[in-house]
Protein backbone atom coordinates (compact mmCIF):
# COMPACT_ATOMS: atom_id res chain seq x y z
CA MET A 1 -18.28 -58.94 87.94
CA LEU A 2 -21.90 -58.94 86.98
CA ASP A 3 -23.69 -56.07 85.56
CA LYS A 4 -27.38 -54.86 86.13
CA LYS A 5 -28.85 -56.59 83.16
CA THR A 6 -27.46 -59.92 84.36
CA ILE A 7 -28.78 -59.69 87.94
CA GLU A 8 -32.13 -58.77 86.66
CA ALA A 9 -32.31 -61.86 84.35
CA ILE A 10 -31.10 -63.86 87.25
CA GLU A 11 -33.99 -62.39 89.45
CA ALA A 12 -36.83 -62.85 87.13
CA ILE A 13 -35.58 -66.56 86.53
CA ILE A 14 -35.77 -67.08 90.43
CA LYS A 15 -39.04 -65.20 90.73
CA ARG A 16 -40.53 -68.02 88.26
CA GLY A 17 -39.48 -70.52 90.63
CA ASN A 18 -36.56 -71.78 88.52
CA ASP A 19 -33.09 -72.28 89.16
CA ALA A 20 -30.41 -70.03 87.27
CA LYS A 21 -26.78 -70.79 86.53
CA VAL A 22 -24.35 -68.29 85.61
CA ARG A 23 -21.16 -69.31 83.38
CA ARG A 24 -18.40 -67.73 81.85
CA LYS A 25 -18.23 -67.46 78.24
CA GLY A 26 -15.35 -65.60 76.44
CA GLY A 27 -15.11 -62.40 78.19
CA GLY A 28 -18.21 -62.13 79.70
CA CYS A 29 -20.85 -64.42 81.11
CA VAL A 30 -24.26 -66.36 80.24
CA VAL A 31 -27.26 -67.05 82.15
CA ILE A 32 -29.03 -70.25 81.76
CA GLU A 33 -32.63 -71.04 83.07
CA MET A 34 -32.80 -74.51 84.58
CA LYS A 35 -36.26 -76.04 84.28
CA GLU A 36 -36.73 -79.42 85.57
CA THR A 37 -40.34 -81.16 85.02
CA ILE A 38 -41.39 -84.18 86.93
CA LYS A 39 -42.55 -86.90 84.51
CA TYR A 40 -43.47 -89.47 87.27
CA SER A 41 -43.59 -89.69 90.71
CA PRO A 42 -44.37 -92.95 92.52
CA SER A 43 -46.70 -93.05 95.20
CA PRO A 44 -45.22 -92.95 98.60
CA ILE A 45 -44.20 -96.23 100.64
CA VAL A 46 -46.42 -96.25 104.03
CA ALA A 47 -45.20 -98.05 107.10
CA GLY A 48 -46.48 -101.52 107.43
CA GLU A 49 -46.86 -101.84 103.52
CA GLY A 50 -44.50 -104.26 102.24
CA GLN A 51 -44.15 -105.80 98.80
């Protein structure tokens, strides 16, 4: 089961707006903070505009 420290770490990550991944490691678990950065986002295609 998850202990209090693990749950607090997960809650802190979620409050920052990131995803948390929990994985088993040995006899316990490890919490990984998942950050994704958008490097480029093309402009949206508007109806009526073709290529």
